[in-house]
Every structure is written in structure tokens, then in C-alpha cells.
Amino acid sequence: MLRHRICCYFLLGVFSPGLWAVDEYHLEIKGHLFFPSIITIPAGEKVKLVVHNLDSTPEEFESFSLNREKVIFGNKKVTIFIGPLKPGEYEFVGEYNPNSARGTVVVVQKTQENNNVD
């Protein structure tokens, strides 16, 4: 009976849609620039950052404050998971073009007002 109960809890956890749902945010690299250059995400949540390099040359997404680095080959996409993070600003750069490819992840605390916006 105990084994049956454990198995049920496991299956409920694995197949629960809310458990695995992660908000997705998109960045593009065009002309050695990030678009948008500022992304706002909620504090305390893990999010999925999809970076699409529209240039023909590779770029490296690098952020010391986010503890992430990932090479994105030309005309390819990568997925980078970040968070959960505390409120604040976290900078990132394109390591191959650090003077032009720059951006910021702004982490904000969710408020009741933000949750009711459609």
C-alpha cells in the first residue's frame, strides 16, 4: 500500500503541468547587438531565456552576475535557464563584441497589482 501511494505521488508530481511550467523570454542578436537590451523578469522564479543569433558569426552570451556563458553559433538558438534571482540588475555581454553587445536582466519583486494585469 505504501509503495502504491508513493508511486501515485510521484506520477502526480511528474505530470502536474504547473510544476514544470517556466516563463520564457526571448533575446535576439542582430548586428552584434542584443534586442531587447533590457529584459524584466520576476524575482524568485526560474525562467527560460531563448537567445537567437540572427548574425552569421558566433557570439558568446556571458554574464558573471548570472554565472552563465554560452556560445551561440550564427543563425542558431540556445536556451539558458536563469534564476531564481533576487531583485536587482544583472548585466550580460556578447564576449566577442563586448563594446556593442550589452544588456541587462532586471529582476523585480512581483506585486498583487502586477499579477492582475491582462
N, C-alpha and C. Protein backbone atom coordinates (compact mmCIF):
# COMPACT_ATOMS: atom_id res chain seq x y z
N MET A 1 0.82 -1.20 0.00
CA MET A 1 0.00 0.00 0.00
C MET A 1 0.87 1.27 0.00
N LEU A 2 1.93 1.27 0.80
CA LEU A 2 2.82 2.43 0.86
C LEU A 2 3.49 2.66 -0.49
N ARG A 3 3.91 1.58 -1.13
CA ARG A 3 4.56 1.70 -2.43
C ARG A 3 3.59 2.28 -3.46
N HIS A 4 2.33 1.88 -3.39
CA HIS A 4 1.30 2.39 -4.30
C HIS A 4 1.11 3.90 -4.08
N ARG A 5 1.06 4.33 -2.83
CA ARG A 5 0.88 5.74 -2.50
C ARG A 5 2.08 6.57 -3.00
N ILE A 6 3.28 6.07 -2.78
CA ILE A 6 4.48 6.78 -3.25
C ILE A 6 4.47 6.90 -4.76
N CYS A 7 4.09 5.84 -5.43
CA CYS A 7 4.02 5.85 -6.90
C CYS A 7 3.01 6.89 -7.38
N CYS A 8 1.86 6.98 -6.72
CA CYS A 8 0.84 7.97 -7.09
C CYS A 8 1.35 9.39 -6.90
N TYR A 9 2.02 9.66 -5.78
CA TYR A 9 2.58 10.98 -5.53
C TYR A 9 3.62 11.34 -6.60
N PHE A 10 4.43 10.38 -6.96
CA PHE A 10 5.45 10.61 -7.99
C PHE A 10 4.79 10.96 -9.32
N LEU A 11 3.80 10.18 -9.73
CA LEU A 11 3.13 10.43 -11.01
C LEU A 11 2.40 11.77 -11.00
N LEU A 12 1.77 12.12 -9.90
CA LEU A 12 1.11 13.42 -9.82
C LEU A 12 2.12 14.56 -9.94
N GLY A 13 3.27 14.40 -9.34
CA GLY A 13 4.30 15.42 -9.43
C GLY A 13 4.89 15.55 -10.81
N VAL A 14 5.14 14.43 -11.47
CA VAL A 14 5.76 14.45 -12.80
C VAL A 14 4.81 15.01 -13.84
N PHE A 15 3.53 14.67 -13.73
CA PHE A 15 2.59 15.08 -14.77
C PHE A 15 1.77 16.32 -14.41
N SER A 16 2.11 16.96 -13.32
CA SER A 16 1.44 18.20 -12.94
C SER A 16 1.94 19.32 -13.83
N PRO A 17 1.07 19.93 -14.67
CA PRO A 17 1.56 20.94 -15.63
C PRO A 17 2.14 22.18 -14.98
N GLY A 18 1.60 22.61 -13.85
CA GLY A 18 2.12 23.81 -13.20
C GLY A 18 3.49 23.62 -12.60
N LEU A 19 3.83 22.40 -12.27
CA LEU A 19 5.12 22.13 -11.64
C LEU A 19 6.29 22.39 -12.59
N TRP A 20 6.12 22.07 -13.85
CA TRP A 20 7.22 22.19 -14.82
C TRP A 20 7.12 23.44 -15.67
N ALA A 21 6.08 24.24 -15.50
CA ALA A 21 5.91 25.45 -16.30
C ALA A 21 6.95 26.49 -15.91
N VAL A 22 7.65 27.00 -16.91
CA VAL A 22 8.67 28.02 -16.70
C VAL A 22 8.40 29.14 -17.71
N ASP A 23 8.38 30.38 -17.24
CA ASP A 23 8.19 31.50 -18.15
C ASP A 23 9.36 31.58 -19.12
N GLU A 24 9.04 31.96 -20.37
CA GLU A 24 10.04 32.00 -21.42
C GLU A 24 10.22 33.44 -21.91
N TYR A 25 11.47 33.85 -22.05
CA TYR A 25 11.82 35.19 -22.53
C TYR A 25 12.75 35.03 -23.72
N HIS A 26 12.67 35.98 -24.67
CA HIS A 26 13.44 35.86 -25.91
C HIS A 26 14.37 37.05 -26.10
N LEU A 27 15.57 36.74 -26.54
CA LEU A 27 16.58 37.73 -26.92
C LEU A 27 17.00 37.42 -28.35
N GLU A 28 17.28 38.46 -29.12
CA GLU A 28 17.85 38.28 -30.45
C GLU A 28 19.19 39.01 -30.51
N ILE A 29 20.08 38.45 -31.30
CA ILE A 29 21.35 39.12 -31.58
C ILE A 29 21.31 39.51 -33.06
N LYS A 30 21.38 40.82 -33.33
CA LYS A 30 21.38 41.35 -34.69
C LYS A 30 22.44 42.45 -34.77
N GLY A 31 23.32 42.37 -35.74
CA GLY A 31 24.34 43.41 -35.88
C GLY A 31 25.20 43.55 -34.64
N HIS A 32 25.45 42.44 -33.97
CA HIS A 32 26.27 42.41 -32.75
C HIS A 32 25.64 43.21 -31.61
N LEU A 33 24.31 43.27 -31.57
CA LEU A 33 23.56 43.93 -30.51
C LEU A 33 22.49 42.97 -29.99
N PHE A 34 22.13 43.09 -28.70
CA PHE A 34 21.05 42.31 -28.13
C PHE A 34 19.74 43.10 -28.25
N PHE A 35 18.69 42.42 -28.66
CA PHE A 35 17.35 43.01 -28.74
C PHE A 35 16.36 42.11 -28.03
N PRO A 36 15.63 42.56 -27.05
CA PRO A 36 15.80 43.85 -26.39
C PRO A 36 17.06 43.83 -25.53
N SER A 37 17.55 44.99 -25.22
CA SER A 37 18.77 45.05 -24.40
C SER A 37 18.44 44.97 -22.90
N ILE A 38 17.17 45.15 -22.56
CA ILE A 38 16.74 45.03 -21.16
C ILE A 38 15.56 44.07 -21.10
N ILE A 39 15.68 43.07 -20.24
CA ILE A 39 14.60 42.11 -20.03
C ILE A 39 14.22 42.17 -18.55
N THR A 40 12.93 42.25 -18.28
CA THR A 40 12.45 42.28 -16.90
C THR A 40 11.80 40.95 -16.57
N ILE A 41 12.26 40.33 -15.48
CA ILE A 41 11.73 39.04 -15.06
C ILE A 41 11.32 39.12 -13.59
N PRO A 42 10.46 38.19 -13.15
CA PRO A 42 10.04 38.21 -11.74
C PRO A 42 11.09 37.61 -10.81
N ALA A 43 11.17 38.15 -9.62
CA ALA A 43 12.10 37.64 -8.61
C ALA A 43 11.61 36.28 -8.10
N GLY A 44 12.57 35.45 -7.72
CA GLY A 44 12.25 34.19 -7.08
C GLY A 44 11.73 33.10 -7.99
N GLU A 45 11.83 33.30 -9.31
CA GLU A 45 11.35 32.29 -10.25
C GLU A 45 12.44 31.91 -11.24
N LYS A 46 12.48 30.65 -11.59
CA LYS A 46 13.38 30.18 -12.64
C LYS A 46 12.73 30.51 -13.98
N VAL A 47 13.50 31.05 -14.91
CA VAL A 47 12.97 31.40 -16.23
C VAL A 47 13.86 30.82 -17.32
N LYS A 48 13.26 30.71 -18.49
CA LYS A 48 13.95 30.19 -19.67
C LYS A 48 14.24 31.36 -20.60
N LEU A 49 15.50 31.55 -20.92
CA LEU A 49 15.93 32.61 -21.81
C LEU A 49 16.34 31.97 -23.13
N VAL A 50 15.61 32.28 -24.20
CA VAL A 50 15.92 31.74 -25.53
C VAL A 50 16.65 32.84 -26.29
N VAL A 51 17.89 32.56 -26.68
CA VAL A 51 18.71 33.55 -27.38
C VAL A 51 18.88 33.08 -28.82
N HIS A 52 18.43 33.91 -29.76
CA HIS A 52 18.51 33.59 -31.20
C HIS A 52 19.52 34.52 -31.85
N ASN A 53 20.60 33.94 -32.36
CA ASN A 53 21.64 34.71 -33.04
C ASN A 53 21.27 34.83 -34.51
N LEU A 54 20.84 35.99 -34.92
CA LEU A 54 20.47 36.23 -36.32
C LEU A 54 21.67 36.62 -37.18
N ASP A 55 22.82 36.86 -36.55
CA ASP A 55 24.04 37.15 -37.30
C ASP A 55 24.62 35.84 -37.85
N SER A 56 25.48 35.97 -38.82
CA SER A 56 26.13 34.78 -39.41
C SER A 56 27.36 34.35 -38.61
N THR A 57 27.82 35.21 -37.72
CA THR A 57 29.00 34.90 -36.91
C THR A 57 28.58 34.49 -35.49
N PRO A 58 29.40 33.68 -34.83
CA PRO A 58 29.04 33.27 -33.46
C PRO A 58 29.18 34.41 -32.46
N GLU A 59 28.47 34.27 -31.36
CA GLU A 59 28.57 35.21 -30.25
C GLU A 59 28.49 34.39 -28.97
N GLU A 60 29.09 34.91 -27.90
CA GLU A 60 29.02 34.22 -26.62
C GLU A 60 28.25 35.08 -25.63
N PHE A 61 27.12 34.55 -25.16
CA PHE A 61 26.37 35.20 -24.08
C PHE A 61 27.16 34.96 -22.81
N GLU A 62 27.56 36.05 -22.15
CA GLU A 62 28.35 35.89 -20.92
C GLU A 62 27.84 36.85 -19.86
N SER A 63 27.68 36.31 -18.65
CA SER A 63 27.27 37.11 -17.52
C SER A 63 27.90 36.55 -16.25
N PHE A 64 28.78 37.35 -15.64
CA PHE A 64 29.39 36.94 -14.39
C PHE A 64 28.35 36.97 -13.27
N SER A 65 27.48 37.99 -13.29
CA SER A 65 26.49 38.11 -12.22
C SER A 65 25.41 37.03 -12.28
N LEU A 66 25.14 36.51 -13.48
CA LEU A 66 24.19 35.40 -13.63
C LEU A 66 24.89 34.04 -13.60
N ASN A 67 26.21 34.07 -13.64
CA ASN A 67 27.02 32.85 -13.66
C ASN A 67 26.66 31.97 -14.86
N ARG A 68 26.58 32.60 -16.05
CA ARG A 68 26.23 31.88 -17.27
C ARG A 68 27.13 32.34 -18.41
N GLU A 69 27.50 31.37 -19.24
CA GLU A 69 28.15 31.68 -20.51
C GLU A 69 27.80 30.58 -21.49
N LYS A 70 27.49 31.01 -22.72
CA LYS A 70 27.05 30.05 -23.72
C LYS A 70 27.35 30.61 -25.10
N VAL A 71 28.02 29.82 -25.93
CA VAL A 71 28.30 30.23 -27.31
C VAL A 71 27.06 29.95 -28.14
N ILE A 72 26.68 30.95 -28.96
CA ILE A 72 25.55 30.81 -29.87
C ILE A 72 26.10 30.96 -31.28
N PHE A 73 26.11 29.89 -32.02
CA PHE A 73 26.63 29.94 -33.38
C PHE A 73 25.70 30.77 -34.27
N GLY A 74 26.22 31.23 -35.40
CA GLY A 74 25.45 32.05 -36.31
C GLY A 74 24.18 31.37 -36.76
N ASN A 75 23.09 32.13 -36.78
CA ASN A 75 21.78 31.65 -37.22
C ASN A 75 21.28 30.45 -36.42
N LYS A 76 21.62 30.40 -35.13
CA LYS A 76 21.20 29.32 -34.24
C LYS A 76 20.55 29.90 -32.99
N LYS A 77 19.86 29.03 -32.24
CA LYS A 77 19.23 29.41 -30.97
C LYS A 77 19.79 28.54 -29.86
N VAL A 78 19.83 29.11 -28.66
CA VAL A 78 20.17 28.34 -27.46
C VAL A 78 19.18 28.70 -26.36
N THR A 79 19.05 27.81 -25.41
CA THR A 79 18.22 28.03 -24.24
C THR A 79 19.11 28.10 -23.02
N ILE A 80 18.90 29.13 -22.22
CA ILE A 80 19.66 29.34 -20.99
C ILE A 80 18.65 29.51 -19.86
N PHE A 81 18.75 28.69 -18.83
CA PHE A 81 17.88 28.84 -17.66
C PHE A 81 18.58 29.72 -16.64
N ILE A 82 17.85 30.70 -16.12
CA ILE A 82 18.39 31.57 -15.08
C ILE A 82 17.40 31.66 -13.92
N GLY A 83 17.92 31.93 -12.76
CA GLY A 83 17.07 32.10 -11.59
C GLY A 83 16.96 30.82 -10.79
N PRO A 84 16.22 30.93 -9.71
CA PRO A 84 15.54 32.10 -9.18
C PRO A 84 16.54 33.15 -8.68
N LEU A 85 16.19 34.41 -8.91
CA LEU A 85 17.09 35.52 -8.57
C LEU A 85 16.42 36.50 -7.61
N LYS A 86 17.26 37.21 -6.88
CA LYS A 86 16.79 38.28 -6.00
C LYS A 86 16.59 39.55 -6.85
N PRO A 87 15.73 40.47 -6.42
CA PRO A 87 15.55 41.72 -7.16
C PRO A 87 16.88 42.45 -7.35
N GLY A 88 17.04 43.02 -8.53
CA GLY A 88 18.27 43.75 -8.87
C GLY A 88 18.51 43.74 -10.35
N GLU A 89 19.70 44.18 -10.73
CA GLU A 89 20.09 44.22 -12.14
C GLU A 89 21.28 43.31 -12.36
N TYR A 90 21.23 42.53 -13.43
CA TYR A 90 22.25 41.55 -13.77
C TYR A 90 22.68 41.81 -15.22
N GLU A 91 23.92 42.22 -15.39
CA GLU A 91 24.40 42.57 -16.72
C GLU A 91 24.88 41.34 -17.48
N PHE A 92 24.77 41.42 -18.82
CA PHE A 92 25.32 40.39 -19.69
C PHE A 92 25.95 41.07 -20.90
N VAL A 93 26.89 40.39 -21.54
CA VAL A 93 27.57 40.92 -22.72
C VAL A 93 27.74 39.81 -23.74
N GLY A 94 27.99 40.22 -24.97
CA GLY A 94 28.44 39.31 -26.01
C GLY A 94 29.96 39.35 -25.95
N GLU A 95 30.57 38.28 -25.51
CA GLU A 95 32.01 38.30 -25.27
C GLU A 95 32.83 38.64 -26.52
N TYR A 96 32.33 38.26 -27.69
CA TYR A 96 33.08 38.53 -28.91
C TYR A 96 32.92 39.98 -29.38
N ASN A 97 31.91 40.68 -28.88
CA ASN A 97 31.66 42.08 -29.21
C ASN A 97 31.22 42.84 -27.95
N PRO A 98 32.07 42.89 -26.92
CA PRO A 98 31.63 43.43 -25.63
C PRO A 98 31.32 44.93 -25.63
N ASN A 99 31.82 45.67 -26.60
CA ASN A 99 31.53 47.10 -26.64
C ASN A 99 30.16 47.41 -27.20
N SER A 100 29.62 46.51 -28.01
CA SER A 100 28.30 46.76 -28.61
C SER A 100 27.23 45.83 -28.07
N ALA A 101 27.55 44.56 -27.88
CA ALA A 101 26.55 43.58 -27.43
C ALA A 101 26.49 43.59 -25.91
N ARG A 102 25.55 44.38 -25.39
CA ARG A 102 25.42 44.53 -23.93
C ARG A 102 23.94 44.53 -23.58
N GLY A 103 23.64 44.05 -22.38
CA GLY A 103 22.26 44.05 -21.95
C GLY A 103 22.15 43.85 -20.45
N THR A 104 20.91 43.91 -19.97
CA THR A 104 20.64 43.80 -18.54
C THR A 104 19.37 43.00 -18.31
N VAL A 105 19.44 42.09 -17.34
CA VAL A 105 18.26 41.42 -16.83
C VAL A 105 17.87 42.16 -15.56
N VAL A 106 16.65 42.72 -15.55
CA VAL A 106 16.15 43.43 -14.39
C VAL A 106 15.17 42.50 -13.68
N VAL A 107 15.46 42.21 -12.43
CA VAL A 107 14.62 41.30 -11.65
C VAL A 107 13.81 42.15 -10.67
N VAL A 108 12.48 42.01 -10.77
CA VAL A 108 11.58 42.81 -9.93
C VAL A 108 10.72 41.90 -9.07
N GLN A 109 10.38 42.41 -7.90
CA GLN A 109 9.50 41.68 -7.00
C GLN A 109 8.08 41.74 -7.55
N LYS A 110 7.41 40.62 -7.60
CA LYS A 110 6.02 40.61 -8.04
C LYS A 110 5.15 41.30 -7.01
N THR A 111 4.18 42.06 -7.49
CA THR A 111 3.21 42.68 -6.61
C THR A 111 1.82 42.18 -7.00
N GLN A 112 0.86 42.36 -6.14
CA GLN A 112 -0.51 41.95 -6.44
C GLN A 112 -1.00 42.67 -7.69
N GLU A 113 -0.62 43.94 -7.84
CA GLU A 113 -1.03 44.72 -9.00
C GLU A 113 -0.50 44.11 -10.29
N ASN A 114 0.78 43.66 -10.30
CA ASN A 114 1.37 43.04 -11.49
C ASN A 114 0.65 41.75 -11.85
N ASN A 115 0.17 41.00 -10.88
CA ASN A 115 -0.48 39.72 -11.14
C ASN A 115 -1.84 39.90 -11.77
N ASN A 116 -2.47 41.06 -11.62
CA ASN A 116 -3.81 41.26 -12.15
C ASN A 116 -3.82 41.92 -13.53
N VAL A 117 -2.68 42.22 -14.08
CA VAL A 117 -2.61 42.87 -15.39
C VAL A 117 -2.83 41.83 -16.47
N ASP A 118 -3.74 42.13 -17.43
CA ASP A 118 -4.01 41.18 -18.52
C ASP A 118 -3.21 41.52 -19.75
